[in-house]
């Protein structure tokens, strides 16, 4: 039985440049975070996203303070809700608890 040789055609090219993650741009949402700080406790629509996983990742990055604009962790409360166009991400600044004084 003769051996069978299969050849394939490869296209040699570099992959596209990777896009930045949610955490990639240190100034992302900086202006919005400053506006939220100016009105503590008030909810605002931060952005709209297409998928639940995008909303989850953004909410996690905000609540954990991984996005510089929302540091330190716990300074902002964030929620999401489906709407006709996707998922709205809501955010509000909550005053951080004062650090206890050392005695």
N, C-alpha and C. Protein backbone atom coordinates (compact mmCIF):
# COMPACT_ATOMS: atom_id res chain seq x y z
N UNK A 1 0.85 -1.16 0.00
CA UNK A 1 0.00 0.00 0.00
C UNK A 1 0.90 1.23 0.00
N UNK A 2 0.73 2.12 -0.96
CA UNK A 2 1.59 3.31 -1.02
C UNK A 2 1.24 4.27 0.11
N UNK A 3 2.28 4.96 0.61
CA UNK A 3 2.02 5.95 1.67
C UNK A 3 1.36 7.18 1.05
N UNK A 4 0.53 7.75 1.81
CA UNK A 4 -0.22 8.91 1.34
C UNK A 4 0.36 10.17 1.97
N UNK A 5 0.68 11.12 1.18
CA UNK A 5 1.23 12.38 1.69
C UNK A 5 0.18 13.47 1.50
N UNK A 6 -0.13 14.10 2.59
CA UNK A 6 -1.09 15.20 2.53
C UNK A 6 -0.33 16.49 2.75
N UNK A 7 -0.55 17.42 1.90
CA UNK A 7 0.09 18.72 2.09
C UNK A 7 -1.00 19.74 2.35
N UNK A 8 -0.65 20.73 3.10
CA UNK A 8 -1.60 21.81 3.37
C UNK A 8 -0.93 23.12 3.00
N UNK A 9 -1.71 24.07 2.74
CA UNK A 9 -1.19 25.38 2.40
C UNK A 9 -1.31 26.26 3.63
N UNK A 10 -0.20 26.81 4.05
CA UNK A 10 -0.19 27.72 5.19
C UNK A 10 -0.11 29.14 4.68
N UNK A 11 -0.71 30.02 5.38
CA UNK A 11 -0.58 31.44 5.09
C UNK A 11 0.30 32.01 6.19
N UNK A 12 1.42 32.53 5.81
CA UNK A 12 2.37 33.05 6.80
C UNK A 12 2.11 34.53 7.02
N UNK A 13 1.66 34.85 8.22
CA UNK A 13 1.45 36.24 8.59
C UNK A 13 1.40 36.37 10.10
N UNK A 14 1.76 37.52 10.59
CA UNK A 14 1.72 37.78 12.03
C UNK A 14 0.27 38.03 12.45
N UNK A 15 -0.07 37.67 13.67
CA UNK A 15 -1.43 37.94 14.15
C UNK A 15 -1.63 39.44 14.32
N UNK A 16 -2.89 39.87 14.37
CA UNK A 16 -3.15 41.30 14.58
C UNK A 16 -2.67 41.72 15.96
N UNK A 17 -2.40 42.98 16.10
CA UNK A 17 -1.98 43.51 17.38
C UNK A 17 -3.10 43.28 18.39
N UNK A 18 -2.72 42.82 19.55
CA UNK A 18 -3.71 42.53 20.59
C UNK A 18 -4.40 43.81 21.02
N UNK A 19 -5.69 43.71 21.27
CA UNK A 19 -6.43 44.85 21.78
C UNK A 19 -6.19 44.96 23.27
N UNK A 20 -6.39 46.11 23.79
CA UNK A 20 -6.17 46.33 25.22
C UNK A 20 -7.34 45.76 26.02
N UNK A 21 -7.00 45.22 27.15
CA UNK A 21 -8.03 44.72 28.04
C UNK A 21 -8.71 45.89 28.74
N UNK A 22 -9.74 45.58 29.50
CA UNK A 22 -10.45 46.61 30.27
C UNK A 22 -9.47 47.35 31.19
N UNK A 23 -8.48 46.63 31.69
CA UNK A 23 -7.53 47.23 32.62
C UNK A 23 -6.37 47.92 31.92
N UNK A 24 -6.28 47.81 30.58
CA UNK A 24 -5.11 48.26 29.86
C UNK A 24 -4.89 49.76 29.86
N UNK A 25 -5.91 50.55 29.80
CA UNK A 25 -5.78 52.00 29.72
C UNK A 25 -5.93 52.59 31.11
N UNK A 26 -4.83 53.11 31.68
CA UNK A 26 -4.92 53.60 33.06
C UNK A 26 -5.85 54.80 33.24
N UNK A 27 -6.13 55.52 32.16
CA UNK A 27 -7.02 56.68 32.26
C UNK A 27 -8.46 56.38 31.87
N UNK A 28 -8.75 55.11 31.59
CA UNK A 28 -10.11 54.76 31.19
C UNK A 28 -11.09 55.13 32.31
N UNK A 29 -12.11 55.86 31.98
CA UNK A 29 -13.17 56.28 32.90
C UNK A 29 -12.69 57.26 33.98
N UNK A 30 -11.53 57.87 33.81
CA UNK A 30 -11.02 58.80 34.82
C UNK A 30 -11.97 59.99 35.01
N UNK A 31 -12.42 60.58 33.91
CA UNK A 31 -13.33 61.73 34.01
C UNK A 31 -14.64 61.33 34.67
N UNK A 32 -15.15 60.15 34.30
CA UNK A 32 -16.42 59.68 34.87
C UNK A 32 -16.28 59.41 36.37
N UNK A 33 -15.17 58.81 36.76
CA UNK A 33 -14.94 58.53 38.19
C UNK A 33 -14.87 59.82 38.99
N UNK A 34 -14.23 60.84 38.42
CA UNK A 34 -14.16 62.14 39.11
C UNK A 34 -15.54 62.76 39.25
N UNK A 35 -16.38 62.63 38.22
CA UNK A 35 -17.75 63.14 38.31
C UNK A 35 -18.55 62.40 39.38
N UNK A 36 -18.35 61.09 39.46
CA UNK A 36 -19.05 60.30 40.48
C UNK A 36 -18.58 60.69 41.88
N UNK A 37 -17.29 60.96 42.05
CA UNK A 37 -16.77 61.38 43.36
C UNK A 37 -17.39 62.72 43.79
N UNK A 38 -17.70 63.56 42.82
CA UNK A 38 -18.29 64.86 43.13
C UNK A 38 -19.73 64.75 43.62
N UNK A 39 -20.37 63.60 43.36
CA UNK A 39 -21.76 63.38 43.78
C UNK A 39 -21.89 62.03 44.47
N UNK A 40 -21.28 61.90 45.66
CA UNK A 40 -21.30 60.60 46.35
C UNK A 40 -22.72 60.09 46.58
N UNK A 41 -22.88 58.80 46.38
CA UNK A 41 -24.16 58.15 46.62
C UNK A 41 -25.13 58.19 45.46
N UNK A 42 -24.85 58.99 44.43
CA UNK A 42 -25.74 59.09 43.27
C UNK A 42 -25.34 58.10 42.19
N UNK A 43 -26.32 57.36 41.69
CA UNK A 43 -26.08 56.39 40.62
C UNK A 43 -26.02 57.09 39.27
N UNK A 44 -25.19 56.58 38.39
CA UNK A 44 -25.12 57.07 37.01
C UNK A 44 -24.79 55.88 36.09
N UNK A 45 -25.22 55.98 34.84
CA UNK A 45 -24.86 54.96 33.86
C UNK A 45 -23.42 55.26 33.43
N UNK A 46 -22.53 54.34 33.71
CA UNK A 46 -21.13 54.51 33.35
C UNK A 46 -20.91 54.21 31.87
N UNK A 47 -21.47 53.09 31.41
CA UNK A 47 -21.31 52.68 30.01
C UNK A 47 -22.32 51.60 29.70
N UNK A 48 -22.39 51.22 28.44
CA UNK A 48 -23.18 50.07 28.02
C UNK A 48 -22.23 49.09 27.36
N UNK A 49 -22.45 47.81 27.59
CA UNK A 49 -21.64 46.76 26.98
C UNK A 49 -22.57 45.76 26.31
N UNK A 50 -21.99 44.89 25.50
CA UNK A 50 -22.80 43.96 24.73
C UNK A 50 -23.11 42.65 25.44
N UNK A 51 -22.20 42.17 26.28
CA UNK A 51 -22.39 40.84 26.87
C UNK A 51 -22.31 40.87 28.39
N UNK A 52 -22.87 39.84 28.98
CA UNK A 52 -22.81 39.69 30.43
C UNK A 52 -21.39 39.53 30.93
N UNK A 53 -20.54 38.86 30.16
CA UNK A 53 -19.16 38.66 30.61
C UNK A 53 -18.39 40.00 30.60
N UNK A 54 -18.69 40.86 29.63
CA UNK A 54 -18.06 42.18 29.63
C UNK A 54 -18.49 42.98 30.85
N UNK A 55 -19.77 42.92 31.16
CA UNK A 55 -20.29 43.63 32.33
C UNK A 55 -19.65 43.08 33.60
N UNK A 56 -19.55 41.77 33.71
CA UNK A 56 -18.96 41.14 34.89
C UNK A 56 -17.51 41.58 35.09
N UNK A 57 -16.72 41.53 34.00
CA UNK A 57 -15.30 41.89 34.11
C UNK A 57 -15.14 43.36 34.50
N UNK A 58 -15.96 44.24 33.92
CA UNK A 58 -15.86 45.65 34.25
C UNK A 58 -16.28 45.89 35.70
N UNK A 59 -17.36 45.28 36.12
CA UNK A 59 -17.82 45.43 37.51
C UNK A 59 -16.75 44.95 38.49
N UNK A 60 -16.13 43.83 38.19
CA UNK A 60 -15.09 43.27 39.05
C UNK A 60 -13.88 44.20 39.11
N UNK A 61 -13.47 44.73 37.95
CA UNK A 61 -12.33 45.64 37.90
C UNK A 61 -12.59 46.91 38.70
N UNK A 62 -13.82 47.41 38.64
CA UNK A 62 -14.17 48.62 39.39
C UNK A 62 -14.23 48.32 40.88
N UNK A 63 -14.96 47.29 41.27
CA UNK A 63 -15.14 47.03 42.70
C UNK A 63 -13.84 46.64 43.40
N UNK A 64 -12.92 46.04 42.65
CA UNK A 64 -11.63 45.65 43.24
C UNK A 64 -10.58 46.76 43.09
N UNK A 65 -10.96 47.88 42.50
CA UNK A 65 -10.04 48.99 42.34
C UNK A 65 -8.92 48.73 41.34
N UNK A 66 -9.12 47.77 40.43
CA UNK A 66 -8.08 47.44 39.46
C UNK A 66 -7.96 48.49 38.36
N UNK A 67 -9.02 49.21 38.09
CA UNK A 67 -8.94 50.36 37.19
C UNK A 67 -8.52 51.54 38.07
N UNK A 68 -7.45 52.18 37.70
CA UNK A 68 -6.87 53.24 38.53
C UNK A 68 -7.88 54.31 38.93
N UNK A 69 -8.78 54.65 38.03
CA UNK A 69 -9.76 55.69 38.32
C UNK A 69 -10.68 55.34 39.47
N UNK A 70 -10.82 54.04 39.76
CA UNK A 70 -11.76 53.59 40.78
C UNK A 70 -11.07 53.07 42.05
N UNK A 71 -9.78 53.33 42.17
CA UNK A 71 -9.04 52.91 43.36
C UNK A 71 -9.32 53.89 44.49
N UNK A 72 -9.23 53.46 45.72
CA UNK A 72 -8.94 52.10 46.18
C UNK A 72 -10.17 51.20 46.09
N UNK A 73 -9.92 49.91 46.22
CA UNK A 73 -10.99 48.93 46.17
C UNK A 73 -12.07 49.28 47.18
N UNK A 74 -13.32 49.10 46.77
CA UNK A 74 -14.45 49.37 47.66
C UNK A 74 -14.93 50.81 47.66
N UNK A 75 -14.29 51.67 46.88
CA UNK A 75 -14.70 53.08 46.84
C UNK A 75 -15.96 53.30 46.02
N UNK A 76 -16.24 52.36 45.11
CA UNK A 76 -17.38 52.49 44.21
C UNK A 76 -18.25 51.25 44.28
N UNK A 77 -19.55 51.46 44.14
CA UNK A 77 -20.51 50.36 44.03
C UNK A 77 -20.91 50.30 42.57
N UNK A 78 -21.05 49.09 42.04
CA UNK A 78 -21.35 48.94 40.63
C UNK A 78 -22.36 47.82 40.42
N UNK A 79 -23.30 48.06 39.51
CA UNK A 79 -24.33 47.08 39.16
C UNK A 79 -24.54 47.11 37.67
N UNK A 80 -25.24 46.11 37.16
CA UNK A 80 -25.56 46.11 35.74
C UNK A 80 -27.00 45.64 35.55
N UNK A 81 -27.58 46.03 34.42
CA UNK A 81 -28.95 45.64 34.10
C UNK A 81 -29.10 45.56 32.58
N UNK A 82 -29.81 44.53 32.14
CA UNK A 82 -30.07 44.38 30.71
C UNK A 82 -31.02 45.46 30.24
N UNK A 83 -30.81 45.90 29.02
CA UNK A 83 -31.75 46.81 28.37
C UNK A 83 -31.85 46.38 26.91
N UNK A 84 -32.62 47.06 26.11
CA UNK A 84 -32.82 46.67 24.73
C UNK A 84 -31.56 46.69 23.88
N UNK A 85 -30.59 47.52 24.25
CA UNK A 85 -29.38 47.67 23.45
C UNK A 85 -28.19 46.88 23.98
N UNK A 86 -28.35 46.17 25.05
CA UNK A 86 -27.23 45.44 25.66
C UNK A 86 -27.36 45.44 27.16
N UNK A 87 -26.29 45.79 27.82
CA UNK A 87 -26.28 45.79 29.28
C UNK A 87 -25.69 47.12 29.76
N UNK A 88 -26.46 47.83 30.58
CA UNK A 88 -25.97 49.09 31.16
C UNK A 88 -25.21 48.78 32.44
N UNK A 89 -24.10 49.47 32.61
CA UNK A 89 -23.31 49.34 33.83
C UNK A 89 -23.47 50.64 34.61
N UNK A 90 -24.03 50.51 35.82
CA UNK A 90 -24.30 51.64 36.69
C UNK A 90 -23.22 51.69 37.77
N UNK A 91 -22.90 52.89 38.21
CA UNK A 91 -21.85 53.03 39.21
C UNK A 91 -22.17 54.21 40.12
N UNK A 92 -21.70 54.13 41.36
CA UNK A 92 -21.78 55.27 42.27
C UNK A 92 -20.60 55.23 43.22
N UNK A 93 -20.20 56.41 43.64
CA UNK A 93 -19.11 56.54 44.61
C UNK A 93 -19.69 56.43 45.99
N UNK A 94 -19.08 55.61 46.80
CA UNK A 94 -19.48 55.47 48.20
C UNK A 94 -18.29 55.91 49.05
N UNK A 95 -18.52 56.81 49.96
CA UNK A 95 -17.42 57.31 50.76
C UNK A 95 -16.73 56.17 51.50
N UNK A 96 -15.43 56.14 51.36
CA UNK A 96 -14.66 55.11 52.04
C UNK A 96 -14.70 55.37 53.54
N UNK A 97 -14.71 54.29 54.28
CA UNK A 97 -14.67 54.41 55.73
C UNK A 97 -13.36 55.06 56.15
N UNK A 98 -13.41 55.89 57.15
CA UNK A 98 -12.19 56.52 57.64
C UNK A 98 -11.29 55.47 58.29
N UNK A 99 -10.00 55.61 58.05
CA UNK A 99 -9.03 54.69 58.67
C UNK A 99 -9.02 54.94 60.18
N UNK A 100 -9.01 53.88 60.98
CA UNK A 100 -8.94 54.10 62.43
C UNK A 100 -7.63 54.76 62.82
N UNK A 101 -7.70 55.68 63.75
CA UNK A 101 -6.50 56.38 64.22
C UNK A 101 -5.67 55.46 65.09
N UNK A 102 -4.36 55.48 64.90
CA UNK A 102 -3.45 54.70 65.74
C UNK A 102 -3.36 55.35 67.11
N UNK A 103 -3.33 54.53 68.15
CA UNK A 103 -3.27 55.09 69.52
C UNK A 103 -1.87 55.08 70.04
